[in-house]
Amino acid sequence: MNDDLDAIRRVLAADVESFRRLVERYQRPLLTLIRNLTPPDTDHEGVAQEVFLAAFRSLAAFDPKRSAFSTWLFTIARNRCRNELTRRRPVVGAEFQSAPPAASSVPAADPTPATGTTPAATFVSANIHLPALPYVPPTEFLPVPPTLNRRPPPEPSG
């Protein structure tokens, strides 16, 4: 839009108040995009503020020949949303404080002094304690009742 380019020229010419027009114009669509790309418990307004601040700081790098201002702004927003999702995502395997112990080497009822639980009862990953599942050998699985078996029983040979 020509209005966007005029506002950008004014901001680059030290008229910082002109950026307010851009914020007012794109605030609602930007918040909608951020709400659609991030979980509900995200500080959507905070992410939007970061996007506008990043756009303001790098406004001199905006090239109107490459894209519209809205495209450039929404690309910044998309990247900030990705950063927010990455920041929230737990890192699997990298933050193990200790490997889960082997079931055969763990005493059944000897609690560890640090946690008060048996080592087999919990495992620690990113400071979250999850209950460990007991090992069941395949020979102890319950047989599938014949009514649930999808294949017909084998024909008797004879």
Protein backbone atom coordinates (compact mmCIF):
# COMPACT_ATOMS: atom_id res chain seq x y z
CA MET A 1 0.00 0.00 0.00
CA ASN A 2 1.11 3.52 -0.66
CA ASP A 3 -0.07 4.53 2.82
CA ASP A 4 2.30 1.96 4.32
CA LEU A 5 5.21 3.20 2.24
CA ASP A 6 4.47 6.81 3.21
CA ALA A 7 4.38 5.88 6.90
CA ILE A 8 7.62 3.91 6.56
CA ARG A 9 9.35 6.86 4.85
CA ARG A 10 8.22 9.16 7.66
CA VAL A 11 9.43 6.76 10.34
CA LEU A 12 12.82 6.49 8.63
CA ALA A 13 12.91 10.29 8.53
CA ALA A 14 12.68 10.36 12.37
CA ASP A 15 8.87 10.72 12.64
CA VAL A 16 8.45 7.85 15.08
CA GLU A 17 4.75 8.62 15.64
CA SER A 18 4.01 7.49 12.07
CA PHE A 19 4.76 3.94 13.16
CA ARG A 20 1.66 4.15 15.36
CA ARG A 21 -0.48 4.18 12.19
CA LEU A 22 1.16 0.96 11.03
CA VAL A 23 0.61 -0.65 14.43
CA GLU A 24 -3.05 0.39 14.49
CA ARG A 25 -3.58 -0.89 10.95
CA TYR A 26 -1.97 -4.31 11.46
CA GLN A 27 -2.58 -4.99 15.15
CA ARG A 28 -5.78 -7.02 14.71
CA PRO A 29 -4.66 -9.21 11.76
CA LEU A 30 -1.29 -9.76 13.42
CA LEU A 31 -2.90 -10.89 16.69
CA THR A 32 -5.19 -13.22 14.73
CA LEU A 33 -2.19 -14.78 13.00
CA ILE A 34 -0.30 -15.17 16.29
CA ARG A 35 -3.33 -16.74 18.00
CA ASN A 36 -3.65 -19.23 15.13
CA LEU A 37 0.02 -20.22 15.22
CA THR A 38 0.61 -20.53 18.98
CA PRO A 39 -1.01 -22.42 21.87
CA PRO A 40 -3.83 -20.74 23.83
CA ASP A 41 -1.72 -20.14 26.93
CA THR A 42 0.80 -18.02 24.99
CA ASP A 43 1.15 -14.32 25.75
CA HIS A 44 -0.19 -13.33 22.32
CA GLU A 45 -0.02 -9.61 22.98
CA GLY A 46 3.59 -9.97 24.15
CA VAL A 47 4.54 -11.83 20.98
CA ALA A 48 2.79 -9.15 18.89
CA GLN A 49 4.70 -6.46 20.73
CA GLU A 50 7.97 -8.30 20.01
CA VAL A 51 7.01 -8.49 16.33
CA PHE A 52 6.28 -4.76 16.09
CA LEU A 53 9.48 -3.95 17.95
CA ALA A 54 11.52 -6.18 15.62
CA ALA A 55 9.86 -4.57 12.61
CA PHE A 56 10.57 -1.09 13.96
CA ARG A 57 14.22 -1.91 14.62
CA SER A 58 14.79 -3.36 11.17
CA LEU A 59 12.51 -1.06 9.21
CA ALA A 60 15.47 0.28 7.24
CA ALA A 61 16.02 -3.24 5.88
CA PHE A 62 12.48 -3.44 4.47
CA ASP A 63 12.55 -3.55 0.66
CA PRO A 64 9.20 -2.66 -0.95
CA LYS A 65 10.42 -4.17 -4.24
CA ARG A 66 10.61 -7.64 -2.67
CA SER A 67 7.27 -7.71 -0.82
CA ALA A 68 4.47 -5.72 0.67
CA PHE A 69 4.92 -4.42 4.20
CA SER A 70 2.17 -6.74 5.46
CA THR A 71 3.97 -9.78 4.00
CA TRP A 72 7.23 -8.70 5.61
CA LEU A 73 5.52 -8.08 8.96
CA PHE A 74 3.64 -11.40 8.91
CA THR A 75 6.89 -13.22 8.05
CA ILE A 76 8.48 -11.72 11.15
CA ALA A 77 5.42 -12.81 13.13
CA ARG A 78 5.56 -16.35 11.77
CA ASN A 79 9.23 -16.64 12.70
CA ARG A 80 8.56 -15.30 16.23
CA CYS A 81 5.75 -17.84 16.64
CA ARG A 82 8.11 -20.62 15.55
CA ASN A 83 10.65 -19.38 18.08
CA GLU A 84 7.96 -19.42 20.78
CA LEU A 85 6.98 -22.99 19.91
CA THR A 86 10.62 -24.10 19.89
CA ARG A 87 11.22 -22.44 23.24
CA ARG A 88 8.27 -24.33 24.76
CA ARG A 89 9.05 -27.72 23.20
CA PRO A 90 10.77 -30.11 25.60
CA VAL A 91 14.12 -31.41 24.45
CA VAL A 92 13.97 -35.18 24.47
CA GLY A 93 17.13 -37.00 25.45
CA ALA A 94 19.35 -33.95 25.79
CA GLU A 95 18.37 -33.10 29.33
CA PHE A 96 18.41 -36.54 30.95
CA GLN A 97 19.90 -36.19 34.38
CA SER A 98 20.40 -39.95 34.48
CA ALA A 99 19.50 -42.80 32.21
CA PRO A 100 16.58 -44.97 33.27
CA PRO A 101 17.99 -47.92 35.21
CA ALA A 102 17.75 -51.46 33.92
CA ALA A 103 14.88 -53.31 35.60
CA SER A 104 17.01 -56.29 36.65
CA SER A 105 19.64 -54.16 38.44
CA VAL A 106 17.22 -52.11 40.57
CA PRO A 107 16.33 -53.20 44.10
CA ALA A 108 12.55 -53.31 44.38
CA ALA A 109 11.92 -51.41 47.62
CA ASP A 110 15.12 -49.51 48.41
CA PRO A 111 14.30 -45.80 48.13
CA THR A 112 17.04 -43.45 47.06
CA PRO A 113 17.84 -40.77 49.64
CA ALA A 114 17.63 -37.87 47.17
CA THR A 115 14.09 -38.43 45.93
CA GLY A 116 12.55 -40.86 48.43
CA THR A 117 11.31 -43.08 45.59
CA THR A 118 12.72 -46.23 44.09
CA PRO A 119 14.83 -45.63 40.98
CA ALA A 120 12.55 -47.90 38.94
CA ALA A 121 9.47 -45.93 39.99
CA THR A 122 10.44 -42.69 38.27
CA PHE A 123 12.77 -41.38 35.70
CA VAL A 124 13.96 -37.83 35.45
CA SER A 125 13.77 -35.89 32.23
CA ALA A 126 13.75 -32.08 32.26
CA ASN A 127 12.78 -32.11 35.95
CA ILE A 128 9.53 -33.98 35.26
CA HIS A 129 8.95 -37.24 37.10
CA LEU A 130 7.05 -39.80 35.09
CA PRO A 131 5.99 -43.20 36.42
CA ALA A 132 7.91 -46.04 34.81
CA LEU A 133 6.00 -48.93 33.28
CA PRO A 134 6.85 -52.39 34.60
CA TYR A 135 8.45 -54.83 32.21
CA VAL A 136 6.16 -57.67 31.16
CA PRO A 137 7.79 -60.47 29.17
CA PRO A 138 5.90 -61.51 26.03
CA THR A 139 5.20 -64.95 27.53
CA GLU A 140 2.95 -63.29 30.13
CA PHE A 141 0.75 -61.38 27.66
CA LEU A 142 -2.89 -62.25 27.83
CA PRO A 143 -4.04 -64.37 24.89
CA VAL A 144 -6.42 -62.76 22.42
CA PRO A 145 -9.90 -64.24 22.80
CA PRO A 146 -10.99 -66.15 19.69
CA THR A 147 -13.91 -63.75 19.16
CA LEU A 148 -11.46 -60.86 18.73
CA ASN A 149 -9.09 -62.74 16.48
CA ARG A 150 -9.51 -61.56 12.89
CA ARG A 151 -8.18 -64.70 11.27
CA PRO A 152 -10.22 -67.87 11.31
CA PRO A 153 -8.78 -70.70 13.38
CA PRO A 154 -6.55 -73.12 11.45
CA GLU A 155 -8.26 -76.12 9.91
CA PRO A 156 -7.48 -79.37 11.68
CA SER A 157 -5.17 -81.47 9.62
CA GLY A 158 -6.16 -85.01 9.15
